[in-house]
mmCIF file of all heavy atoms, coordinates in Angstrom:
data_MODEL
# 
_entry.id   MODEL 
# 
loop_
_atom_site.group_PDB 
_atom_site.id 
_atom_site.type_symbol 
_atom_site.label_atom_id 
_atom_site.label_alt_id 
_atom_site.label_comp_id 
_atom_site.label_asym_id 
_atom_site.label_entity_id 
_atom_site.label_seq_id 
_atom_site.pdbx_PDB_ins_code 
_atom_site.Cartn_x 
_atom_site.Cartn_y 
_atom_site.Cartn_z 
_atom_site.occupancy 
_atom_site.B_iso_or_equiv 
_atom_site.pdbx_formal_charge 
_atom_site.auth_seq_id 
_atom_site.auth_comp_id 
_atom_site.auth_asym_id 
_atom_site.auth_atom_id 
_atom_site.pdbx_PDB_model_num 
ATOM 1   N N   . GLY A 1 1  ? 58.484 143.342 -252.094 1.00 0.00 ? 1  GLY A N   1 
ATOM 2   C CA  . GLY A 1 1  ? 57.720 143.787 -250.959 1.00 0.00 ? 1  GLY A CA  1 
ATOM 3   C C   . GLY A 1 1  ? 56.581 144.687 -251.275 1.00 0.00 ? 1  GLY A C   1 
ATOM 4   O O   . GLY A 1 1  ? 55.470 144.552 -250.690 1.00 0.00 ? 1  GLY A O   1 
ATOM 5   N N   . ALA A 1 2  ? 56.748 145.540 -252.275 1.00 0.00 ? 2  ALA A N   1 
ATOM 6   C CA  . ALA A 1 2  ? 55.698 146.408 -252.736 1.00 0.00 ? 2  ALA A CA  1 
ATOM 7   C C   . ALA A 1 2  ? 54.514 145.593 -253.332 1.00 0.00 ? 2  ALA A C   1 
ATOM 8   O O   . ALA A 1 2  ? 53.315 145.876 -253.103 1.00 0.00 ? 2  ALA A O   1 
ATOM 9   C CB  . ALA A 1 2  ? 56.195 147.398 -253.682 1.00 0.00 ? 2  ALA A CB  1 
ATOM 10  N N   . ALA A 1 3  ? 54.918 144.640 -254.176 1.00 0.00 ? 3  ALA A N   1 
ATOM 11  C CA  . ALA A 1 3  ? 53.839 143.780 -254.797 1.00 0.00 ? 3  ALA A CA  1 
ATOM 12  C C   . ALA A 1 3  ? 53.106 143.014 -253.716 1.00 0.00 ? 3  ALA A C   1 
ATOM 13  O O   . ALA A 1 3  ? 51.829 142.932 -253.750 1.00 0.00 ? 3  ALA A O   1 
ATOM 14  C CB  . ALA A 1 3  ? 54.513 142.804 -255.740 1.00 0.00 ? 3  ALA A CB  1 
ATOM 15  N N   . ALA A 1 4  ? 53.751 142.493 -252.712 1.00 0.00 ? 4  ALA A N   1 
ATOM 16  C CA  . ALA A 1 4  ? 53.070 141.781 -251.625 1.00 0.00 ? 4  ALA A CA  1 
ATOM 17  C C   . ALA A 1 4  ? 52.161 142.735 -250.824 1.00 0.00 ? 4  ALA A C   1 
ATOM 18  O O   . ALA A 1 4  ? 51.095 142.335 -250.392 1.00 0.00 ? 4  ALA A O   1 
ATOM 19  C CB  . ALA A 1 4  ? 54.128 141.108 -250.759 1.00 0.00 ? 4  ALA A CB  1 
ATOM 20  N N   . THR A 1 5  ? 52.645 143.967 -250.642 1.00 0.00 ? 5  THR A N   1 
ATOM 21  C CA  . THR A 1 5  ? 51.842 144.961 -249.917 1.00 0.00 ? 5  THR A CA  1 
ATOM 22  C C   . THR A 1 5  ? 50.551 145.320 -250.670 1.00 0.00 ? 5  THR A C   1 
ATOM 23  O O   . THR A 1 5  ? 49.428 145.346 -250.100 1.00 0.00 ? 5  THR A O   1 
ATOM 24  C CB  . THR A 1 5  ? 52.652 146.221 -249.659 1.00 0.00 ? 5  THR A CB  1 
ATOM 25  O OG1 . THR A 1 5  ? 53.822 145.951 -248.934 1.00 0.00 ? 5  THR A OG1 1 
ATOM 26  C CG2 . THR A 1 5  ? 51.867 147.289 -249.011 1.00 0.00 ? 5  THR A CG2 1 
ATOM 27  N N   . VAL A 1 6  ? 50.674 145.473 -251.947 1.00 0.00 ? 6  VAL A N   1 
ATOM 28  C CA  . VAL A 1 6  ? 49.441 145.769 -252.843 1.00 0.00 ? 6  VAL A CA  1 
ATOM 29  C C   . VAL A 1 6  ? 48.530 144.587 -252.756 1.00 0.00 ? 6  VAL A C   1 
ATOM 30  O O   . VAL A 1 6  ? 47.297 144.729 -252.688 1.00 0.00 ? 6  VAL A O   1 
ATOM 31  C CB  . VAL A 1 6  ? 49.909 146.114 -254.220 1.00 0.00 ? 6  VAL A CB  1 
ATOM 32  C CG1 . VAL A 1 6  ? 48.665 146.165 -255.123 1.00 0.00 ? 6  VAL A CG1 1 
ATOM 33  C CG2 . VAL A 1 6  ? 50.699 147.400 -254.225 1.00 0.00 ? 6  VAL A CG2 1 
ATOM 34  N N   . ALA A 1 7  ? 49.053 143.397 -252.907 1.00 0.00 ? 7  ALA A N   1 
ATOM 35  C CA  . ALA A 1 7  ? 48.242 142.157 -252.972 1.00 0.00 ? 7  ALA A CA  1 
ATOM 36  C C   . ALA A 1 7  ? 47.497 141.918 -251.649 1.00 0.00 ? 7  ALA A C   1 
ATOM 37  O O   . ALA A 1 7  ? 46.446 141.292 -251.710 1.00 0.00 ? 7  ALA A O   1 
ATOM 38  C CB  . ALA A 1 7  ? 49.098 140.935 -253.280 1.00 0.00 ? 7  ALA A CB  1 
ATOM 39  N N   . THR A 1 8  ? 48.035 142.406 -250.580 1.00 0.00 ? 8  THR A N   1 
ATOM 40  C CA  . THR A 1 8  ? 47.350 142.155 -249.273 1.00 0.00 ? 8  THR A CA  1 
ATOM 41  C C   . THR A 1 8  ? 46.698 143.386 -248.670 1.00 0.00 ? 8  THR A C   1 
ATOM 42  O O   . THR A 1 8  ? 46.417 143.391 -247.464 1.00 0.00 ? 8  THR A O   1 
ATOM 43  C CB  . THR A 1 8  ? 48.434 141.606 -248.188 1.00 0.00 ? 8  THR A CB  1 
ATOM 44  O OG1 . THR A 1 8  ? 49.480 142.607 -248.137 1.00 0.00 ? 8  THR A OG1 1 
ATOM 45  C CG2 . THR A 1 8  ? 49.046 140.333 -248.682 1.00 0.00 ? 8  THR A CG2 1 
ATOM 46  N N   . ARG A 1 9  ? 46.463 144.362 -249.514 1.00 0.00 ? 9  ARG A N   1 
ATOM 47  C CA  . ARG A 1 9  ? 45.891 145.631 -248.931 1.00 0.00 ? 9  ARG A CA  1 
ATOM 48  C C   . ARG A 1 9  ? 44.476 145.417 -248.410 1.00 0.00 ? 9  ARG A C   1 
ATOM 49  O O   . ARG A 1 9  ? 43.996 146.167 -247.519 1.00 0.00 ? 9  ARG A O   1 
ATOM 50  C CB  . ARG A 1 9  ? 45.830 146.689 -250.008 1.00 0.00 ? 9  ARG A CB  1 
ATOM 51  C CG  . ARG A 1 9  ? 44.961 146.433 -251.218 1.00 0.00 ? 9  ARG A CG  1 
ATOM 52  C CD  . ARG A 1 9  ? 45.131 147.504 -252.234 1.00 0.00 ? 9  ARG A CD  1 
ATOM 53  N NE  . ARG A 1 9  ? 44.287 147.350 -253.411 1.00 0.00 ? 9  ARG A NE  1 
ATOM 54  C CZ  . ARG A 1 9  ? 44.542 146.596 -254.390 1.00 0.00 ? 9  ARG A CZ  1 
ATOM 55  N NH1 . ARG A 1 9  ? 45.671 145.915 -254.471 1.00 0.00 ? 9  ARG A NH1 1 
ATOM 56  N NH2 . ARG A 1 9  ? 43.682 146.475 -255.436 1.00 0.00 ? 9  ARG A NH2 1 
ATOM 57  N N   . ARG A 1 10 ? 43.755 144.401 -248.867 1.00 0.00 ? 10 ARG A N   1 
ATOM 58  C CA  . ARG A 1 10 ? 42.413 144.074 -248.326 1.00 0.00 ? 10 ARG A CA  1 
ATOM 59  C C   . ARG A 1 10 ? 42.408 142.809 -247.468 1.00 0.00 ? 10 ARG A C   1 
ATOM 60  O O   . ARG A 1 10 ? 41.336 142.318 -247.178 1.00 0.00 ? 10 ARG A O   1 
ATOM 61  C CB  . ARG A 1 10 ? 41.396 143.911 -249.487 1.00 0.00 ? 10 ARG A CB  1 
ATOM 62  C CG  . ARG A 1 10 ? 41.246 145.154 -250.307 1.00 0.00 ? 10 ARG A CG  1 
ATOM 63  C CD  . ARG A 1 10 ? 40.190 144.973 -251.365 1.00 0.00 ? 10 ARG A CD  1 
ATOM 64  N NE  . ARG A 1 10 ? 40.089 146.167 -252.240 1.00 0.00 ? 10 ARG A NE  1 
ATOM 65  C CZ  . ARG A 1 10 ? 39.436 147.276 -251.943 1.00 0.00 ? 10 ARG A CZ  1 
ATOM 66  N NH1 . ARG A 1 10 ? 38.748 147.389 -250.818 1.00 0.00 ? 10 ARG A NH1 1 
ATOM 67  N NH2 . ARG A 1 10 ? 39.348 148.296 -252.757 1.00 0.00 ? 10 ARG A NH2 1 
ATOM 68  N N   . HIS A 1 11 ? 43.572 142.332 -247.083 1.00 0.00 ? 11 HIS A N   1 
ATOM 69  C CA  . HIS A 1 11 ? 43.714 141.139 -246.322 1.00 0.00 ? 11 HIS A CA  1 
ATOM 70  C C   . HIS A 1 11 ? 44.664 141.357 -245.121 1.00 0.00 ? 11 HIS A C   1 
ATOM 71  O O   . HIS A 1 11 ? 45.872 140.955 -245.178 1.00 0.00 ? 11 HIS A O   1 
ATOM 72  C CB  . HIS A 1 11 ? 44.195 139.970 -247.153 1.00 0.00 ? 11 HIS A CB  1 
ATOM 73  C CG  . HIS A 1 11 ? 43.378 139.733 -248.373 1.00 0.00 ? 11 HIS A CG  1 
ATOM 74  N ND1 . HIS A 1 11 ? 42.169 139.057 -248.258 1.00 0.00 ? 11 HIS A ND1 1 
ATOM 75  C CD2 . HIS A 1 11 ? 43.566 140.072 -249.690 1.00 0.00 ? 11 HIS A CD2 1 
ATOM 76  C CE1 . HIS A 1 11 ? 41.643 138.963 -249.552 1.00 0.00 ? 11 HIS A CE1 1 
ATOM 77  N NE2 . HIS A 1 11 ? 42.492 139.609 -250.382 1.00 0.00 ? 11 HIS A NE2 1 
ATOM 78  N N   . PRO A 1 12 ? 44.186 142.108 -244.132 1.00 0.00 ? 12 PRO A N   1 
ATOM 79  C CA  . PRO A 1 12 ? 45.122 142.510 -243.015 1.00 0.00 ? 12 PRO A CA  1 
ATOM 80  C C   . PRO A 1 12 ? 45.784 141.392 -242.297 1.00 0.00 ? 12 PRO A C   1 
ATOM 81  O O   . PRO A 1 12 ? 46.919 141.466 -241.822 1.00 0.00 ? 12 PRO A O   1 
ATOM 82  C CB  . PRO A 1 12 ? 44.265 143.318 -242.099 1.00 0.00 ? 12 PRO A CB  1 
ATOM 83  C CG  . PRO A 1 12 ? 42.856 142.983 -242.463 1.00 0.00 ? 12 PRO A CG  1 
ATOM 84  C CD  . PRO A 1 12 ? 42.858 142.579 -243.957 1.00 0.00 ? 12 PRO A CD  1 
ATOM 85  N N   . VAL A 1 13 ? 45.068 140.218 -242.162 1.00 0.00 ? 13 VAL A N   1 
ATOM 86  C CA  . VAL A 1 13 ? 45.691 139.087 -241.488 1.00 0.00 ? 13 VAL A CA  1 
ATOM 87  C C   . VAL A 1 13 ? 46.899 138.528 -242.317 1.00 0.00 ? 13 VAL A C   1 
ATOM 88  O O   . VAL A 1 13 ? 47.946 138.306 -241.699 1.00 0.00 ? 13 VAL A O   1 
ATOM 89  C CB  . VAL A 1 13 ? 44.662 137.979 -241.248 1.00 0.00 ? 13 VAL A CB  1 
ATOM 90  C CG1 . VAL A 1 13 ? 45.286 136.742 -240.599 1.00 0.00 ? 13 VAL A CG1 1 
ATOM 91  C CG2 . VAL A 1 13 ? 43.531 138.458 -240.327 1.00 0.00 ? 13 VAL A CG2 1 
ATOM 92  N N   . LEU A 1 14 ? 46.711 138.432 -243.584 1.00 0.00 ? 14 LEU A N   1 
ATOM 93  C CA  . LEU A 1 14 ? 47.765 137.942 -244.401 1.00 0.00 ? 14 LEU A CA  1 
ATOM 94  C C   . LEU A 1 14 ? 48.927 138.973 -244.402 1.00 0.00 ? 14 LEU A C   1 
ATOM 95  O O   . LEU A 1 14 ? 50.094 138.640 -244.376 1.00 0.00 ? 14 LEU A O   1 
ATOM 96  C CB  . LEU A 1 14 ? 47.304 137.701 -245.839 1.00 0.00 ? 14 LEU A CB  1 
ATOM 97  C CG  . LEU A 1 14 ? 48.311 137.149 -246.805 1.00 0.00 ? 14 LEU A CG  1 
ATOM 98  C CD1 . LEU A 1 14 ? 48.903 135.837 -246.296 1.00 0.00 ? 14 LEU A CD1 1 
ATOM 99  C CD2 . LEU A 1 14 ? 47.694 136.962 -248.179 1.00 0.00 ? 14 LEU A CD2 1 
ATOM 100 N N   . ARG A 1 15 ? 48.521 140.236 -244.428 1.00 0.00 ? 15 ARG A N   1 
ATOM 101 C CA  . ARG A 1 15 ? 49.601 141.288 -244.354 1.00 0.00 ? 15 ARG A CA  1 
ATOM 102 C C   . ARG A 1 15 ? 50.394 141.117 -243.027 1.00 0.00 ? 15 ARG A C   1 
ATOM 103 O O   . ARG A 1 15 ? 51.614 141.230 -243.022 1.00 0.00 ? 15 ARG A O   1 
ATOM 104 C CB  . ARG A 1 15 ? 48.904 142.650 -244.343 1.00 0.00 ? 15 ARG A CB  1 
ATOM 105 C CG  . ARG A 1 15 ? 49.772 143.895 -244.007 1.00 0.00 ? 15 ARG A CG  1 
ATOM 106 C CD  . ARG A 1 15 ? 50.741 144.211 -245.173 1.00 0.00 ? 15 ARG A CD  1 
ATOM 107 N NE  . ARG A 1 15 ? 50.012 144.708 -246.269 1.00 0.00 ? 15 ARG A NE  1 
ATOM 108 C CZ  . ARG A 1 15 ? 49.545 145.936 -246.406 1.00 0.00 ? 15 ARG A CZ  1 
ATOM 109 N NH1 . ARG A 1 15 ? 49.783 146.853 -245.525 1.00 0.00 ? 15 ARG A NH1 1 
ATOM 110 N NH2 . ARG A 1 15 ? 48.955 146.317 -247.530 1.00 0.00 ? 15 ARG A NH2 1 
ATOM 111 N N   . GLY A 1 16 ? 49.714 140.985 -241.921 1.00 0.00 ? 16 GLY A N   1 
ATOM 112 C CA  . GLY A 1 16 ? 50.447 140.814 -240.666 1.00 0.00 ? 16 GLY A CA  1 
ATOM 113 C C   . GLY A 1 16 ? 51.349 139.606 -240.652 1.00 0.00 ? 16 GLY A C   1 
ATOM 114 O O   . GLY A 1 16 ? 52.467 139.688 -240.164 1.00 0.00 ? 16 GLY A O   1 
ATOM 115 N N   . LEU A 1 17 ? 50.900 138.494 -241.287 1.00 0.00 ? 17 LEU A N   1 
ATOM 116 C CA  . LEU A 1 17 ? 51.723 137.297 -241.329 1.00 0.00 ? 17 LEU A CA  1 
ATOM 117 C C   . LEU A 1 17 ? 53.014 137.582 -242.184 1.00 0.00 ? 17 LEU A C   1 
ATOM 118 O O   . LEU A 1 17 ? 54.132 137.146 -241.844 1.00 0.00 ? 17 LEU A O   1 
ATOM 119 C CB  . LEU A 1 17 ? 50.939 136.141 -241.916 1.00 0.00 ? 17 LEU A CB  1 
ATOM 120 C CG  . LEU A 1 17 ? 49.852 135.561 -241.022 1.00 0.00 ? 17 LEU A CG  1 
ATOM 121 C CD1 . LEU A 1 17 ? 49.047 134.488 -241.734 1.00 0.00 ? 17 LEU A CD1 1 
ATOM 122 C CD2 . LEU A 1 17 ? 50.472 134.962 -239.737 1.00 0.00 ? 17 LEU A CD2 1 
ATOM 123 N N   . LEU A 1 18 ? 52.796 138.249 -243.311 1.00 0.00 ? 18 LEU A N   1 
ATOM 124 C CA  . LEU A 1 18 ? 53.997 138.554 -244.189 1.00 0.00 ? 18 LEU A CA  1 
ATOM 125 C C   . LEU A 1 18 ? 54.935 139.481 -243.451 1.00 0.00 ? 18 LEU A C   1 
ATOM 126 O O   . LEU A 1 18 ? 56.157 139.259 -243.503 1.00 0.00 ? 18 LEU A O   1 
ATOM 127 C CB  . LEU A 1 18 ? 53.500 139.178 -245.477 1.00 0.00 ? 18 LEU A CB  1 
ATOM 128 C CG  . LEU A 1 18 ? 52.885 138.238 -246.493 1.00 0.00 ? 18 LEU A CG  1 
ATOM 129 C CD1 . LEU A 1 18 ? 52.369 139.044 -247.706 1.00 0.00 ? 18 LEU A CD1 1 
ATOM 130 C CD2 . LEU A 1 18 ? 53.848 137.164 -246.948 1.00 0.00 ? 18 LEU A CD2 1 
ATOM 131 N N   . VAL A 1 19 ? 54.435 140.494 -242.774 1.00 0.00 ? 19 VAL A N   1 
ATOM 132 C CA  . VAL A 1 19 ? 55.345 141.406 -242.085 1.00 0.00 ? 19 VAL A CA  1 
ATOM 133 C C   . VAL A 1 19 ? 56.067 140.733 -240.923 1.00 0.00 ? 19 VAL A C   1 
ATOM 134 O O   . VAL A 1 19 ? 57.269 140.904 -240.652 1.00 0.00 ? 19 VAL A O   1 
ATOM 135 C CB  . VAL A 1 19 ? 54.533 142.629 -241.502 1.00 0.00 ? 19 VAL A CB  1 
ATOM 136 C CG1 . VAL A 1 19 ? 55.437 143.544 -240.639 1.00 0.00 ? 19 VAL A CG1 1 
ATOM 137 C CG2 . VAL A 1 19 ? 54.008 143.498 -242.684 1.00 0.00 ? 19 VAL A CG2 1 
ATOM 138 N N   . ALA A 1 20 ? 55.362 139.790 -240.257 1.00 0.00 ? 20 ALA A N   1 
ATOM 139 C CA  . ALA A 1 20 ? 55.959 139.037 -239.171 1.00 0.00 ? 20 ALA A CA  1 
ATOM 140 C C   . ALA A 1 20 ? 57.115 138.151 -239.687 1.00 0.00 ? 20 ALA A C   1 
ATOM 141 O O   . ALA A 1 20 ? 58.151 138.064 -239.091 1.00 0.00 ? 20 ALA A O   1 
ATOM 142 C CB  . ALA A 1 20 ? 54.904 138.210 -238.469 1.00 0.00 ? 20 ALA A CB  1 
ATOM 143 N N   . THR A 1 21 ? 56.847 137.442 -240.860 1.00 0.00 ? 21 THR A N   1 
ATOM 144 C CA  . THR A 1 21 ? 57.817 136.663 -241.419 1.00 0.00 ? 21 THR A CA  1 
ATOM 145 C C   . THR A 1 21 ? 59.078 137.445 -241.828 1.00 0.00 ? 21 THR A C   1 
ATOM 146 O O   . THR A 1 21 ? 60.198 137.083 -241.648 1.00 0.00 ? 21 THR A O   1 
ATOM 147 C CB  . THR A 1 21 ? 57.285 135.820 -242.538 1.00 0.00 ? 21 THR A CB  1 
ATOM 148 O OG1 . THR A 1 21 ? 56.174 135.050 -242.092 1.00 0.00 ? 21 THR A OG1 1 
ATOM 149 C CG2 . THR A 1 21 ? 58.328 134.902 -243.142 1.00 0.00 ? 21 THR A CG2 1 
ATOM 150 N N   . GLY A 1 22 ? 58.748 138.576 -242.511 1.00 0.00 ? 22 GLY A N   1 
ATOM 151 C CA  . GLY A 1 22 ? 59.844 139.469 -242.973 1.00 0.00 ? 22 GLY A CA  1 
ATOM 152 C C   . GLY A 1 22 ? 60.707 139.964 -241.867 1.00 0.00 ? 22 GLY A C   1 
ATOM 153 O O   . GLY A 1 22 ? 61.891 140.027 -241.876 1.00 0.00 ? 22 GLY A O   1 
ATOM 154 N N   . THR A 1 23 ? 59.987 140.403 -240.763 1.00 0.00 ? 23 THR A N   1 
ATOM 155 C CA  . THR A 1 23 ? 60.717 140.910 -239.600 1.00 0.00 ? 23 THR A CA  1 
ATOM 156 C C   . THR A 1 23 ? 61.602 139.938 -238.985 1.00 0.00 ? 23 THR A C   1 
ATOM 157 O O   . THR A 1 23 ? 62.803 140.158 -238.609 1.00 0.00 ? 23 THR A O   1 
ATOM 158 C CB  . THR A 1 23 ? 59.675 141.487 -238.546 1.00 0.00 ? 23 THR A CB  1 
ATOM 159 O OG1 . THR A 1 23 ? 58.839 142.453 -239.163 1.00 0.00 ? 23 THR A OG1 1 
ATOM 160 C CG2 . THR A 1 23 ? 60.371 142.107 -237.376 1.00 0.00 ? 23 THR A CG2 1 
ATOM 161 N N   . TRP A 1 24 ? 61.101 138.668 -238.838 1.00 0.00 ? 24 TRP A N   1 
ATOM 162 C CA  . TRP A 1 24 ? 61.867 137.600 -238.245 1.00 0.00 ? 24 TRP A CA  1 
ATOM 163 C C   . TRP A 1 24 ? 63.101 137.324 -239.027 1.00 0.00 ? 24 TRP A C   1 
ATOM 164 O O   . TRP A 1 24 ? 64.192 137.213 -238.459 1.00 0.00 ? 24 TRP A O   1 
ATOM 165 C CB  . TRP A 1 24 ? 61.007 136.353 -238.182 1.00 0.00 ? 24 TRP A CB  1 
ATOM 166 C CG  . TRP A 1 24 ? 61.749 135.158 -237.694 1.00 0.00 ? 24 TRP A CG  1 
ATOM 167 C CD1 . TRP A 1 24 ? 62.723 135.045 -236.792 1.00 0.00 ? 24 TRP A CD1 1 
ATOM 168 C CD2 . TRP A 1 24 ? 61.527 133.763 -238.158 1.00 0.00 ? 24 TRP A CD2 1 
ATOM 169 N NE1 . TRP A 1 24 ? 63.233 133.752 -236.622 1.00 0.00 ? 24 TRP A NE1 1 
ATOM 170 C CE2 . TRP A 1 24 ? 62.493 132.936 -237.415 1.00 0.00 ? 24 TRP A CE2 1 
ATOM 171 C CE3 . TRP A 1 24 ? 60.708 133.168 -239.096 1.00 0.00 ? 24 TRP A CE3 1 
ATOM 172 C CZ2 . TRP A 1 24 ? 62.514 131.539 -237.665 1.00 0.00 ? 24 TRP A CZ2 1 
ATOM 173 C CZ3 . TRP A 1 24 ? 60.711 131.844 -239.294 1.00 0.00 ? 24 TRP A CZ3 1 
ATOM 174 C CH2 . TRP A 1 24 ? 61.694 131.079 -238.592 1.00 0.00 ? 24 TRP A CH2 1 
ATOM 175 N N   . THR A 1 25 ? 62.975 137.292 -240.392 1.00 0.00 ? 25 THR A N   1 
ATOM 176 C CA  . THR A 1 25 ? 64.104 136.939 -241.216 1.00 0.00 ? 25 THR A CA  1 
ATOM 177 C C   . THR A 1 25 ? 65.156 138.069 -241.305 1.00 0.00 ? 25 THR A C   1 
ATOM 178 O O   . THR A 1 25 ? 66.371 137.793 -241.486 1.00 0.00 ? 25 THR A O   1 
ATOM 179 C CB  . THR A 1 25 ? 63.702 136.580 -242.592 1.00 0.00 ? 25 THR A CB  1 
ATOM 180 O OG1 . THR A 1 25 ? 63.004 137.662 -243.184 1.00 0.00 ? 25 THR A OG1 1 
ATOM 181 C CG2 . THR A 1 25 ? 62.799 135.355 -242.641 1.00 0.00 ? 25 THR A CG2 1 
ATOM 182 N N   . VAL A 1 26 ? 64.799 139.341 -241.020 1.00 0.00 ? 26 VAL A N   1 
ATOM 183 C CA  . VAL A 1 26 ? 65.807 140.388 -241.177 1.00 0.00 ? 26 VAL A CA  1 
ATOM 184 C C   . VAL A 1 26 ? 66.415 140.808 -239.888 1.00 0.00 ? 26 VAL A C   1 
ATOM 185 O O   . VAL A 1 26 ? 67.485 141.489 -239.862 1.00 0.00 ? 26 VAL A O   1 
ATOM 186 C CB  . VAL A 1 26 ? 65.218 141.618 -241.873 1.00 0.00 ? 26 VAL A CB  1 
ATOM 187 C CG1 . VAL A 1 26 ? 64.646 141.285 -243.224 1.00 0.00 ? 26 VAL A CG1 1 
ATOM 188 C CG2 . VAL A 1 26 ? 64.182 142.353 -241.028 1.00 0.00 ? 26 VAL A CG2 1 
# 
């Protein structure tokens, strides 16, 4: 999760999609 966060620090839309997917799955 930390690596994905760093990789999307300049891509807020992608960050939002990843957080949405993670939230749904947990």
